[in-house]
Amino acid sequence: MGCGRGAVLILAAHRLPGGQAWGPIFGGGGIRAAIAGMPPCATRCRRVRDRVDLTDADARDLPFPAASFDVVVSNLTIHNIKEDAGRKQALHEAVRVLRPGGSPRRSICGGTA
């Protein structure tokens, strides 16, 4: 959720070699350009390009059906939502799109939520 410049999304795609990684982003045009031109991610991005997709979306209202994902990753997103109700709604959305038995991940490099 909230893939920013794409670094965490790309790392997630590498950790899921058989899966598709979706990155909901808010105001996607500029972020797509930033990801495309980001030198540190260029090589890694090419390796997973066919398994990564960006979707214009707000973390508080994800455009995916319930139980769509095996894993939900969020990094530096929830705290950027100013209102308590908005943060609560974003967390609700993360749980809603997560399949039963799925994994909400705080970090793809270590601990889980």
PDB file of N, CA and C in Angstrom:
ATOM      1  N   MET A   1       0.843  -1.177   0.000  1.00  0.00           N
ATOM      2  CA  MET A   1       0.000   0.000   0.000  1.00  0.00           C
ATOM      3  C   MET A   1       0.881   1.230   0.000  1.00  0.00           C
ATOM      4  N   GLY A   2       0.636   2.130  -0.921  1.00  0.00           N
ATOM      5  CA  GLY A   2       1.405   3.362  -0.970  1.00  0.00           C
ATOM      6  C   GLY A   2       2.849   3.106  -1.326  1.00  0.00           C
ATOM      7  N   CYS A   3       3.109   2.724  -2.562  1.00  0.00           N
ATOM      8  CA  CYS A   3       4.457   2.271  -2.927  1.00  0.00           C
ATOM      9  C   CYS A   3       5.449   3.391  -3.192  1.00  0.00           C
ATOM     10  N   GLY A   4       5.051   4.634  -3.033  1.00  0.00           N
ATOM     11  CA  GLY A   4       6.004   5.736  -3.163  1.00  0.00           C
ATOM     12  C   GLY A   4       6.802   5.684  -4.449  1.00  0.00           C
ATOM     13  N   ARG A   5       8.139   5.660  -4.313  1.00  0.00           N
ATOM     14  CA  ARG A   5       8.992   5.614  -5.500  1.00  0.00           C
ATOM     15  C   ARG A   5       9.263   4.202  -5.983  1.00  0.00           C
ATOM     16  N   GLY A   6       8.676   3.200  -5.347  1.00  0.00           N
ATOM     17  CA  GLY A   6       8.727   1.841  -5.866  1.00  0.00           C
ATOM     18  C   GLY A   6       9.752   0.906  -5.266  1.00  0.00           C
ATOM     19  N   ALA A   7      10.627   1.386  -4.407  1.00  0.00           N
ATOM     20  CA  ALA A   7      11.700   0.533  -3.878  1.00  0.00           C
ATOM     21  C   ALA A   7      11.152  -0.683  -3.133  1.00  0.00           C
ATOM     22  N   VAL A   8      10.196  -0.485  -2.224  1.00  0.00           N
ATOM     23  CA  VAL A   8       9.645  -1.601  -1.461  1.00  0.00           C
ATOM     24  C   VAL A   8       8.828  -2.518  -2.364  1.00  0.00           C
ATOM     25  N   LEU A   9       8.088  -1.949  -3.305  1.00  0.00           N
ATOM     26  CA  LEU A   9       7.314  -2.748  -4.249  1.00  0.00           C
ATOM     27  C   LEU A   9       8.229  -3.666  -5.052  1.00  0.00           C
ATOM     28  N   ILE A  10       9.338  -3.148  -5.525  1.00  0.00           N
ATOM     29  CA  ILE A  10      10.279  -3.944  -6.312  1.00  0.00           C
ATOM     30  C   ILE A  10      10.914  -5.027  -5.449  1.00  0.00           C
ATOM     31  N   LEU A  11      11.284  -4.690  -4.209  1.00  0.00           N
ATOM     32  CA  LEU A  11      11.830  -5.705  -3.303  1.00  0.00           C
ATOM     33  C   LEU A  11      10.796  -6.798  -3.025  1.00  0.00           C
ATOM     34  N   ALA A  12       9.542  -6.400  -2.845  1.00  0.00           N
ATOM     35  CA  ALA A  12       8.482  -7.387  -2.619  1.00  0.00           C
ATOM     36  C   ALA A  12       8.355  -8.311  -3.819  1.00  0.00           C
ATOM     37  N   ALA A  13       8.416  -7.774  -5.019  1.00  0.00           N
ATOM     38  CA  ALA A  13       8.324  -8.591  -6.230  1.00  0.00           C
ATOM     39  C   ALA A  13       9.470  -9.596  -6.297  1.00  0.00           C
ATOM     40  N   HIS A  14      10.652  -9.187  -5.862  1.00  0.00           N
ATOM     41  CA  HIS A  14      11.787 -10.114  -5.832  1.00  0.00           C
ATOM     42  C   HIS A  14      11.564 -11.241  -4.823  1.00  0.00           C
ATOM     43  N   ARG A  15      10.900 -10.932  -3.720  1.00  0.00           N
ATOM     44  CA  ARG A  15      10.643 -11.937  -2.682  1.00  0.00           C
ATOM     45  C   ARG A  15       9.508 -12.884  -3.071  1.00  0.00           C
ATOM     46  N   LEU A  16       8.726 -12.522  -4.069  1.00  0.00           N
ATOM     47  CA  LEU A  16       7.604 -13.336  -4.537  1.00  0.00           C
ATOM     48  C   LEU A  16       7.850 -13.722  -5.987  1.00  0.00           C
ATOM     49  N   PRO A  17       8.816 -14.617  -6.243  1.00  0.00           N
ATOM     50  CA  PRO A  17       9.214 -14.903  -7.629  1.00  0.00           C
ATOM     51  C   PRO A  17       8.112 -15.485  -8.500  1.00  0.00           C
ATOM     52  N   GLY A  18       7.090 -16.086  -7.900  1.00  0.00           N
ATOM     53  CA  GLY A  18       6.027 -16.661  -8.713  1.00  0.00           C
ATOM     54  C   GLY A  18       4.766 -15.833  -8.726  1.00  0.00           C
ATOM     55  N   GLY A  19       4.808 -14.633  -8.158  1.00  0.00           N
ATOM     56  CA  GLY A  19       3.585 -13.857  -8.023  1.00  0.00           C
ATOM     57  C   GLY A  19       3.638 -12.514  -8.703  1.00  0.00           C
ATOM     58  N   GLN A  20       2.507 -11.838  -8.668  1.00  0.00           N
ATOM     59  CA  GLN A  20       2.343 -10.495  -9.220  1.00  0.00           C
ATOM     60  C   GLN A  20       2.348  -9.493  -8.078  1.00  0.00           C
ATOM     61  N   ALA A  21       3.048  -8.396  -8.235  1.00  0.00           N
ATOM     62  CA  ALA A  21       3.090  -7.339  -7.216  1.00  0.00           C
ATOM     63  C   ALA A  21       2.326  -6.132  -7.734  1.00  0.00           C
ATOM     64  N   TRP A  22       1.349  -5.675  -6.948  1.00  0.00           N
ATOM     65  CA  TRP A  22       0.542  -4.508  -7.309  1.00  0.00           C
ATOM     66  C   TRP A  22       0.887  -3.377  -6.358  1.00  0.00           C
ATOM     67  N   GLY A  23       1.116  -2.203  -6.905  1.00  0.00           N
ATOM     68  CA  GLY A  23       1.427  -1.048  -6.082  1.00  0.00           C
ATOM     69  C   GLY A  23       0.375   0.027  -6.205  1.00  0.00           C
ATOM     70  N   PRO A  24      -0.538   0.112  -5.235  1.00  0.00           N
ATOM     71  CA  PRO A  24      -1.491   1.214  -5.238  1.00  0.00           C
ATOM     72  C   PRO A  24      -0.776   2.513  -4.888  1.00  0.00           C
ATOM     73  N   ILE A  25      -0.902   3.503  -5.742  1.00  0.00           N
ATOM     74  CA  ILE A  25      -0.244   4.787  -5.512  1.00  0.00           C
ATOM     75  C   ILE A  25      -1.252   5.912  -5.671  1.00  0.00           C
ATOM     76  N   PHE A  26      -1.047   6.972  -4.933  1.00  0.00           N
ATOM     77  CA  PHE A  26      -1.929   8.132  -4.985  1.00  0.00           C
ATOM     78  C   PHE A  26      -1.288   9.174  -5.893  1.00  0.00           C
ATOM     79  N   GLY A  27      -1.969   9.581  -6.956  1.00  0.00           N
ATOM     80  CA  GLY A  27      -1.416  10.557  -7.889  1.00  0.00           C
ATOM     81  C   GLY A  27      -0.290   9.954  -8.706  1.00  0.00           C
ATOM     82  N   GLY A  28      -0.594   8.899  -9.428  1.00  0.00           N
ATOM     83  CA  GLY A  28       0.408   8.045 -10.037  1.00  0.00           C
ATOM     84  C   GLY A  28       1.292   8.578 -11.138  1.00  0.00           C
ATOM     85  N   GLY A  29       0.920   9.598 -11.872  1.00  0.00           N
ATOM     86  CA  GLY A  29       1.720  10.034 -13.016  1.00  0.00           C
ATOM     87  C   GLY A  29       3.149  10.385 -12.657  1.00  0.00           C
ATOM     88  N   GLY A  30       3.342  11.241 -11.679  1.00  0.00           N
ATOM     89  CA  GLY A  30       4.686  11.654 -11.287  1.00  0.00           C
ATOM     90  C   GLY A  30       5.484  10.528 -10.673  1.00  0.00           C
ATOM     91  N   ILE A  31       4.823   9.653  -9.946  1.00  0.00           N
ATOM     92  CA  ILE A  31       5.523   8.536  -9.310  1.00  0.00           C
ATOM     93  C   ILE A  31       5.980   7.544 -10.360  1.00  0.00           C
ATOM     94  N   ARG A  32       5.174   7.280 -11.363  1.00  0.00           N
ATOM     95  CA  ARG A  32       5.594   6.379 -12.439  1.00  0.00           C
ATOM     96  C   ARG A  32       6.873   6.905 -13.092  1.00  0.00           C
ATOM     97  N   ALA A  33       6.926   8.199 -13.332  1.00  0.00           N
ATOM     98  CA  ALA A  33       8.117   8.798 -13.945  1.00  0.00           C
ATOM     99  C   ALA A  33       9.317   8.679 -13.011  1.00  0.00           C
ATOM    100  N   ALA A  34       9.104   8.884 -11.717  1.00  0.00           N
ATOM    101  CA  ALA A  34      10.202   8.775 -10.750  1.00  0.00           C
ATOM    102  C   ALA A  34      10.750   7.355 -10.715  1.00  0.00           C
ATOM    103  N   ILE A  35       9.856   6.366 -10.719  1.00  0.00           N
ATOM    104  CA  ILE A  35      10.302   4.974 -10.700  1.00  0.00           C
ATOM    105  C   ILE A  35      11.080   4.659 -11.971  1.00  0.00           C
ATOM    106  N   ALA A  36      10.571   5.100 -13.112  1.00  0.00           N
ATOM    107  CA  ALA A  36      11.237   4.812 -14.380  1.00  0.00           C
ATOM    108  C   ALA A  36      12.635   5.413 -14.430  1.00  0.00           C
ATOM    109  N   GLY A  37      12.825   6.562 -13.814  1.00  0.00           N
ATOM    110  CA  GLY A  37      14.115   7.229 -13.888  1.00  0.00           C
ATOM    111  C   GLY A  37      14.999   7.033 -12.677  1.00  0.00           C
ATOM    112  N   MET A  38      14.642   6.139 -11.773  1.00  0.00           N
ATOM    113  CA  MET A  38      15.394   5.981 -10.542  1.00  0.00           C
ATOM    114  C   MET A  38      16.565   5.025 -10.747  1.00  0.00           C
ATOM    115  N   PRO A  39      17.790   5.522 -10.849  1.00  0.00           N
ATOM    116  CA  PRO A  39      18.939   4.666 -11.140  1.00  0.00           C
ATOM    117  C   PRO A  39      19.134   3.481 -10.198  1.00  0.00           C
ATOM    118  N   PRO A  40      19.015   3.633  -8.857  1.00  0.00           N
ATOM    119  CA  PRO A  40      19.242   2.469  -8.000  1.00  0.00           C
ATOM    120  C   PRO A  40      18.262   1.327  -8.256  1.00  0.00           C
ATOM    121  N   CYS A  41      17.067   1.640  -8.749  1.00  0.00           N
ATOM    122  CA  CYS A  41      16.067   0.599  -8.982  1.00  0.00           C
ATOM    123  C   CYS A  41      16.064   0.097 -10.416  1.00  0.00           C
ATOM    124  N   ALA A  42      16.777   0.738 -11.299  1.00  0.00           N
ATOM    125  CA  ALA A  42      16.674   0.407 -12.716  1.00  0.00           C
ATOM    126  C   ALA A  42      16.948  -1.066 -13.000  1.00  0.00           C
ATOM    127  N   THR A  43      18.050  -1.607 -12.508  1.00  0.00           N
ATOM    128  CA  THR A  43      18.384  -3.002 -12.773  1.00  0.00           C
ATOM    129  C   THR A  43      17.379  -3.934 -12.127  1.00  0.00           C
ATOM    130  N   ARG A  44      17.090  -3.705 -10.849  1.00  0.00           N
ATOM    131  CA  ARG A  44      16.120  -4.557 -10.165  1.00  0.00           C
ATOM    132  C   ARG A  44      14.752  -4.470 -10.813  1.00  0.00           C
ATOM    133  N   CYS A  45      14.360  -3.286 -11.225  1.00  0.00           N
ATOM    134  CA  CYS A  45      13.049  -3.084 -11.831  1.00  0.00           C
ATOM    135  C   CYS A  45      12.939  -3.877 -13.130  1.00  0.00           C
ATOM    136  N   ARG A  46      13.975  -3.882 -13.938  1.00  0.00           N
ATOM    137  CA  ARG A  46      13.941  -4.635 -15.196  1.00  0.00           C
ATOM    138  C   ARG A  46      13.714  -6.123 -14.941  1.00  0.00           C
ATOM    139  N   ARG A  47      14.260  -6.650 -13.868  1.00  0.00           N
ATOM    140  CA  ARG A  47      14.129  -8.077 -13.561  1.00  0.00           C
ATOM    141  C   ARG A  47      12.696  -8.470 -13.195  1.00  0.00           C
ATOM    142  N   VAL A  48      11.931  -7.553 -12.684  1.00  0.00           N
ATOM    143  CA  VAL A  48      10.570  -7.875 -12.238  1.00  0.00           C
ATOM    144  C   VAL A  48       9.500  -7.100 -12.989  1.00  0.00           C
ATOM    145  N   ARG A  49       9.886  -6.373 -14.008  1.00  0.00           N
ATOM    146  CA  ARG A  49       8.958  -5.487 -14.725  1.00  0.00           C
ATOM    147  C   ARG A  49       7.664  -6.178 -15.151  1.00  0.00           C
ATOM    148  N   ASP A  50       7.750  -7.414 -15.601  1.00  0.00           N
ATOM    149  CA  ASP A  50       6.549  -8.115 -16.069  1.00  0.00           C
ATOM    150  C   ASP A  50       5.660  -8.593 -14.934  1.00  0.00           C
ATOM    151  N   ARG A  51       6.115  -8.456 -13.686  1.00  0.00           N
ATOM    152  CA  ARG A  51       5.323  -8.900 -12.534  1.00  0.00           C
ATOM    153  C   ARG A  51       4.962  -7.765 -11.587  1.00  0.00           C
ATOM    154  N   VAL A  52       5.190  -6.520 -12.004  1.00  0.00           N
ATOM    155  CA  VAL A  52       4.886  -5.360 -11.169  1.00  0.00           C
ATOM    156  C   VAL A  52       3.913  -4.464 -11.917  1.00  0.00           C
ATOM    157  N   ASP A  53       2.884  -4.030 -11.222  1.00  0.00           N
ATOM    158  CA  ASP A  53       1.921  -3.125 -11.830  1.00  0.00           C
ATOM    159  C   ASP A  53       1.589  -2.022 -10.832  1.00  0.00           C
ATOM    160  N   LEU A  54       1.388  -0.819 -11.339  1.00  0.00           N
ATOM    161  CA  LEU A  54       1.000   0.319 -10.514  1.00  0.00           C
ATOM    162  C   LEU A  54      -0.466   0.645 -10.782  1.00  0.00           C
ATOM    163  N   THR A  55      -1.181   0.941  -9.719  1.00  0.00           N
ATOM    164  CA  THR A  55      -2.596   1.273  -9.819  1.00  0.00           C
ATOM    165  C   THR A  55      -2.844   2.578  -9.088  1.00  0.00           C
ATOM    166  N   ASP A  56      -3.452   3.532  -9.755  1.00  0.00           N
ATOM    167  CA  ASP A  56      -3.811   4.784  -9.081  1.00  0.00           C
ATOM    168  C   ASP A  56      -4.878   4.471  -8.047  1.00  0.00           C
ATOM    169  N   ALA A  57      -4.557   4.707  -6.792  1.00  0.00           N
ATOM    170  CA  ALA A  57      -5.490   4.377  -5.722  1.00  0.00           C
ATOM    171  C   ALA A  57      -5.114   5.109  -4.452  1.00  0.00           C
ATOM    172  N   ASP A  58      -6.069   5.213  -3.578  1.00  0.00           N
ATOM    173  CA  ASP A  58      -5.883   5.771  -2.253  1.00  0.00           C
ATOM    174  C   ASP A  58      -5.924   4.605  -1.272  1.00  0.00           C
ATOM    175  N   ALA A  59      -4.987   4.547  -0.323  1.00  0.00           N
ATOM    176  CA  ALA A  59      -4.930   3.449   0.644  1.00  0.00           C
ATOM    177  C   ALA A  59      -6.229   3.308   1.431  1.00  0.00           C
ATOM    178  N   ARG A  60      -7.012   4.378   1.511  1.00  0.00           N
ATOM    179  CA  ARG A  60      -8.275   4.341   2.251  1.00  0.00           C
ATOM    180  C   ARG A  60      -9.423   3.774   1.443  1.00  0.00           C
ATOM    181  N   ASP A  61      -9.196   3.541   0.146  1.00  0.00           N
ATOM    182  CA  ASP A  61     -10.254   3.045  -0.731  1.00  0.00           C
ATOM    183  C   ASP A  61      -9.613   2.262  -1.877  1.00  0.00           C
ATOM    184  N   LEU A  62      -9.131   1.065  -1.585  1.00  0.00           N
ATOM    185  CA  LEU A  62      -8.417   0.270  -2.585  1.00  0.00           C
ATOM    186  C   LEU A  62      -9.381  -0.300  -3.615  1.00  0.00           C
ATOM    187  N   PRO A  63      -9.003  -0.259  -4.906  1.00  0.00           N
ATOM    188  CA  PRO A  63      -9.897  -0.706  -5.975  1.00  0.00           C
ATOM    189  C   PRO A  63      -9.800  -2.209  -6.261  1.00  0.00           C
ATOM    190  N   PHE A  64      -9.602  -3.015  -5.227  1.00  0.00           N
ATOM    191  CA  PHE A  64      -9.457  -4.451  -5.399  1.00  0.00           C
ATOM    192  C   PHE A  64     -10.572  -5.155  -4.639  1.00  0.00           C
ATOM    193  N   PRO A  65     -11.016  -6.304  -5.156  1.00  0.00           N
ATOM    194  CA  PRO A  65     -12.032  -7.073  -4.423  1.00  0.00           C
ATOM    195  C   PRO A  65     -11.483  -7.585  -3.093  1.00  0.00           C
ATOM    196  N   ALA A  66     -12.376  -7.899  -2.192  1.00  0.00           N
ATOM    197  CA  ALA A  66     -11.976  -8.491  -0.912  1.00  0.00           C
ATOM    198  C   ALA A  66     -11.205  -9.783  -1.170  1.00  0.00           C
ATOM    199  N   ALA A  67     -10.253 -10.061  -0.297  1.00  0.00           N
ATOM    200  CA  ALA A  67      -9.472 -11.304  -0.335  1.00  0.00           C
ATOM    201  C   ALA A  67      -8.697 -11.473  -1.647  1.00  0.00           C
ATOM    202  N   SER A  68      -8.120 -10.389  -2.162  1.00  0.00           N
ATOM    203  CA  SER A  68      -7.396 -10.424  -3.435  1.00  0.00           C
ATOM    204  C   SER A  68      -5.926 -10.795  -3.319  1.00  0.00           C
ATOM    205  N   PHE A  69      -5.324 -10.603  -2.138  1.00  0.00           N
ATOM    206  CA  PHE A  69      -3.869 -10.721  -2.021  1.00  0.00           C
ATOM    207  C   PHE A  69      -3.443 -11.678  -0.924  1.00  0.00           C
ATOM    208  N   ASP A  70      -2.320 -12.364  -1.160  1.00  0.00           N
ATOM    209  CA  ASP A  70      -1.721 -13.253  -0.171  1.00  0.00           C
ATOM    210  C   ASP A  70      -0.903 -12.469   0.846  1.00  0.00           C
ATOM    211  N   VAL A  71      -0.348 -11.350   0.423  1.00  0.00           N
ATOM    212  CA  VAL A  71       0.510 -10.524   1.273  1.00  0.00           C
ATOM    213  C   VAL A  71       0.164  -9.059   1.027  1.00  0.00           C
ATOM    214  N   VAL A  72       0.119  -8.275   2.095  1.00  0.00           N
ATOM    215  CA  VAL A  72      -0.037  -6.827   1.987  1.00  0.00           C
ATOM    216  C   VAL A  72       1.183  -6.200   2.655  1.00  0.00           C
ATOM    217  N   VAL A  73       1.870  -5.330   1.922  1.00  0.00           N
ATOM    218  CA  VAL A  73       3.058  -4.644   2.441  1.00  0.00           C
ATOM    219  C   VAL A  73       2.749  -3.160   2.523  1.00  0.00           C
ATOM    220  N   SER A  74       3.086  -2.557   3.639  1.00  0.00           N
ATOM    221  CA  SER A  74       2.928  -1.125   3.784  1.00  0.00           C
ATOM    222  C   SER A  74       4.167  -0.567   4.471  1.00  0.00           C
ATOM    223  N   ASN A  75       4.760   0.443   3.869  1.00  0.00           N
ATOM    224  CA  ASN A  75       5.960   1.057   4.432  1.00  0.00           C
ATOM    225  C   ASN A  75       5.839   2.566   4.264  1.00  0.00           C
ATOM    226  N   LEU A  76       5.863   3.285   5.363  1.00  0.00           N
ATOM    227  CA  LEU A  76       5.804   4.752   5.318  1.00  0.00           C
ATOM    228  C   LEU A  76       4.551   5.271   4.627  1.00  0.00           C
ATOM    229  N   THR A  77       3.423   4.599   4.846  1.00  0.00           N
ATOM    230  CA  THR A  77       2.168   5.035   4.226  1.00  0.00           C
ATOM    231  C   THR A  77       1.153   5.478   5.263  1.00  0.00           C
ATOM    232  N   ILE A  78       0.835   4.618   6.195  1.00  0.00           N
ATOM    233  CA  ILE A  78      -0.239   4.887   7.163  1.00  0.00           C
ATOM    234  C   ILE A  78       0.031   6.181   7.926  1.00  0.00           C
ATOM    235  N   HIS A  79       1.274   6.398   8.334  1.00  0.00           N
ATOM    236  CA  HIS A  79       1.559   7.596   9.138  1.00  0.00           C
ATOM    237  C   HIS A  79       1.419   8.888   8.336  1.00  0.00           C
ATOM    238  N   ASN A  80       1.390   8.797   7.008  1.00  0.00           N
ATOM    239  CA  ASN A  80       1.212   9.989   6.177  1.00  0.00           C
ATOM    240  C   ASN A  80      -0.256  10.402   6.039  1.00  0.00           C
ATOM    241  N   ILE A  81      -1.144   9.581   6.540  1.00  0.00           N
ATOM    242  CA  ILE A  81      -2.568   9.934   6.541  1.00  0.00           C
ATOM    243  C   ILE A  81      -2.826  10.694   7.830  1.00  0.00           C
ATOM    244  N   LYS A  82      -3.227  11.935   7.725  1.00  0.00           N
ATOM    245  CA  LYS A  82      -3.304  12.828   8.880  1.00  0.00           C
ATOM    246  C   LYS A  82      -4.435  12.510   9.861  1.00  0.00           C
ATOM    247  N   GLU A  83      -5.606  12.123   9.336  1.00  0.00           N
ATOM    248  CA  GLU A  83      -6.756  11.919  10.217  1.00  0.00           C
ATOM    249  C   GLU A  83      -6.767  10.500  10.783  1.00  0.00           C
ATOM    250  N   ASP A  84      -7.161  10.400  12.074  1.00  0.00           N
ATOM    251  CA  ASP A  84      -7.280   9.087  12.710  1.00  0.00           C
ATOM    252  C   ASP A  84      -8.235   8.179  11.939  1.00  0.00           C
ATOM    253  N   ALA A  85      -9.366   8.733  11.527  1.00  0.00           N
ATOM    254  CA  ALA A  85     -10.361   7.938  10.799  1.00  0.00           C
ATOM    255  C   ALA A  85      -9.785   7.429   9.475  1.00  0.00           C
ATOM    256  N   GLY A  86      -8.982   8.236   8.807  1.00  0.00           N
ATOM    257  CA  GLY A  86      -8.361   7.832   7.554  1.00  0.00           C
ATOM    258  C   GLY A  86      -7.344   6.712   7.748  1.00  0.00           C
ATOM    259  N   ARG A  87      -6.544   6.807   8.819  1.00  0.00           N
ATOM    260  CA  ARG A  87      -5.588   5.737   9.117  1.00  0.00           C
ATOM    261  C   ARG A  87      -6.325   4.437   9.422  1.00  0.00           C
ATOM    262  N   LYS A  88      -7.403   4.545  10.191  1.00  0.00           N
ATOM    263  CA  LYS A  88      -8.205   3.370  10.516  1.00  0.00           C
ATOM    264  C   LYS A  88      -8.790   2.753   9.245  1.00  0.00           C
ATOM    265  N   GLN A  89      -9.279   3.589   8.339  1.00  0.00           N
ATOM    266  CA  GLN A  89      -9.850   3.091   7.090  1.00  0.00           C
ATOM    267  C   GLN A  89      -8.790   2.413   6.228  1.00  0.00           C
ATOM    268  N   ALA A  90      -7.579   2.958   6.178  1.00  0.00           N
ATOM    269  CA  ALA A  90      -6.494   2.345   5.396  1.00  0.00           C
ATOM    270  C   ALA A  90      -6.143   0.964   5.954  1.00  0.00           C
ATOM    271  N   LEU A  91      -6.085   0.850   7.275  1.00  0.00           N
ATOM    272  CA  LEU A  91      -5.811  -0.455   7.890  1.00  0.00           C
ATOM    273  C   LEU A  91      -6.944  -1.437   7.596  1.00  0.00           C
ATOM    274  N   HIS A  92      -8.180  -0.934   7.645  1.00  0.00           N
ATOM    275  CA  HIS A  92      -9.338  -1.767   7.304  1.00  0.00           C
ATOM    276  C   HIS A  92      -9.218  -2.275   5.863  1.00  0.00           C
ATOM    277  N   GLU A  93      -8.823  -1.409   4.959  1.00  0.00           N
ATOM    278  CA  GLU A  93      -8.669  -1.791   3.554  1.00  0.00           C
ATOM    279  C   GLU A  93      -7.577  -2.847   3.382  1.00  0.00           C
ATOM    280  N   ALA A  94      -6.467  -2.692   4.102  1.00  0.00           N
ATOM    281  CA  ALA A  94      -5.384  -3.680   4.026  1.00  0.00           C
ATOM    282  C   ALA A  94      -5.894  -5.059   4.438  1.00  0.00           C
ATOM    283  N   VAL A  95      -6.659  -5.111   5.508  1.00  0.00           N
ATOM    284  CA  VAL A  95      -7.201  -6.383   5.982  1.00  0.00           C
ATOM    285  C   VAL A  95      -8.263  -6.907   5.020  1.00  0.00           C
ATOM    286  N   ARG A  96      -9.073  -6.013   4.481  1.00  0.00           N
ATOM    287  CA  ARG A  96     -10.147  -6.421   3.558  1.00  0.00           C
ATOM    288  C   ARG A  96      -9.595  -7.116   2.322  1.00  0.00           C
ATOM    289  N   VAL A  97      -8.517  -6.587   1.739  1.00  0.00           N
ATOM    290  CA  VAL A  97      -7.989  -7.165   0.498  1.00  0.00           C
ATOM    291  C   VAL A  97      -7.080  -8.368   0.748  1.00  0.00           C
ATOM    292  N   LEU A  98      -6.757  -8.645   2.006  1.00  0.00           N
ATOM    293  CA  LEU A  98      -5.903  -9.775   2.357  1.00  0.00           C
ATOM    294  C   LEU A  98      -6.726 -11.058   2.425  1.00  0.00           C
ATOM    295  N   ARG A  99      -6.241 -12.095   1.751  1.00  0.00           N
ATOM    296  CA  ARG A  99      -6.928 -13.391   1.782  1.00  0.00           C
ATOM    297  C   ARG A  99      -6.877 -13.978   3.189  1.00  0.00           C
ATOM    298  N   PRO A 100      -7.883 -14.755   3.567  1.00  0.00           N
ATOM    299  CA  PRO A 100      -7.816 -15.434   4.861  1.00  0.00           C
ATOM    300  C   PRO A 100      -6.538 -16.276   4.937  1.00  0.00           C
ATOM    301  N   GLY A 101      -5.811 -16.126   6.016  1.00  0.00           N
ATOM    302  CA  GLY A 101      -4.551 -16.836   6.168  1.00  0.00           C
ATOM    303  C   GLY A 101      -3.381 -16.107   5.538  1.00  0.00           C
ATOM    304  N   GLY A 102      -3.642 -14.933   4.935  1.00  0.00           N
ATOM    305  CA  GLY A 102      -2.581 -14.146   4.310  1.00  0.00           C
ATOM    306  C   GLY A 102      -1.703 -13.486   5.354  1.00  0.00           C
ATOM    307  N   SER A 103      -0.723 -12.721   4.875  1.00  0.00           N
ATOM    308  CA  SER A 103       0.260 -12.146   5.782  1.00  0.00           C
ATOM    309  C   SER A 103       0.372 -10.637   5.621  1.00  0.00           C
ATOM    310  N   PRO A 104      -0.022  -9.875   6.650  1.00  0.00           N
ATOM    311  CA  PRO A 104       0.276  -8.439   6.618  1.00  0.00           C
ATOM    312  C   PRO A 104       1.740  -8.262   6.994  1.00  0.00           C
ATOM    313  N   ARG A 105       2.531  -7.632   6.141  1.00  0.00           N
ATOM    314  CA  ARG A 105       3.964  -7.519   6.381  1.00  0.00           C
ATOM    315  C   ARG A 105       4.332  -6.084   6.706  1.00  0.00           C
ATOM    316  N   ARG A 106       5.062  -5.911   7.779  1.00  0.00           N
ATOM    317  CA  ARG A 106       5.575  -4.601   8.129  1.00  0.00           C
ATOM    318  C   ARG A 106       6.896  -4.362   7.400  1.00  0.00           C
ATOM    319  N   SER A 107       7.657  -5.417   7.198  1.00  0.00           N
ATOM    320  CA  SER A 107       8.952  -5.279   6.555  1.00  0.00           C
ATOM    321  C   SER A 107       9.210  -6.538   5.731  1.00  0.00           C
ATOM    322  N   ILE A 108       9.617  -6.381   4.482  1.00  0.00           N
ATOM    323  CA  ILE A 108       9.928  -7.554   3.669  1.00  0.00           C
ATOM    324  C   ILE A 108      11.348  -8.036   3.950  1.00  0.00           C
ATOM    325  N   CYS A 109      12.057  -7.304   4.777  1.00  0.00           N
ATOM    326  CA  CYS A 109      13.425  -7.683   5.107  1.00  0.00           C
ATOM    327  C   CYS A 109      13.524  -8.327   6.476  1.00  0.00           C
ATOM    328  N   GLY A 110      12.433  -8.435   7.179  1.00  0.00           N
ATOM    329  CA  GLY A 110      12.545  -8.965   8.529  1.00  0.00           C
ATOM    330  C   GLY A 110      11.218  -9.275   9.168  1.00  0.00           C
ATOM    331  N   GLY A 111      10.836  -8.486  10.187  1.00  0.00           N
ATOM    332  CA  GLY A 111       9.688  -8.782  11.040  1.00  0.00           C
ATOM    333  C   GLY A 111       8.355  -8.675  10.360  1.00  0.00           C
ATOM    334  N   THR A 112       7.400  -9.349  10.956  1.00  0.00           N
ATOM    335  CA  THR A 112       6.029  -9.277  10.486  1.00  0.00           C
ATOM    336  C   THR A 112       5.194  -8.511  11.483  1.00  0.00           C
ATOM    337  N   ALA A 113       4.050  -8.083  11.035  1.00  0.00           N
ATOM    338  CA  ALA A 113       3.136  -7.351  11.912  1.00  0.00           C
ATOM    339  C   ALA A 113       2.461  -8.305  12.857  1.00  0.00           C
TER     340      ALA A 113
END
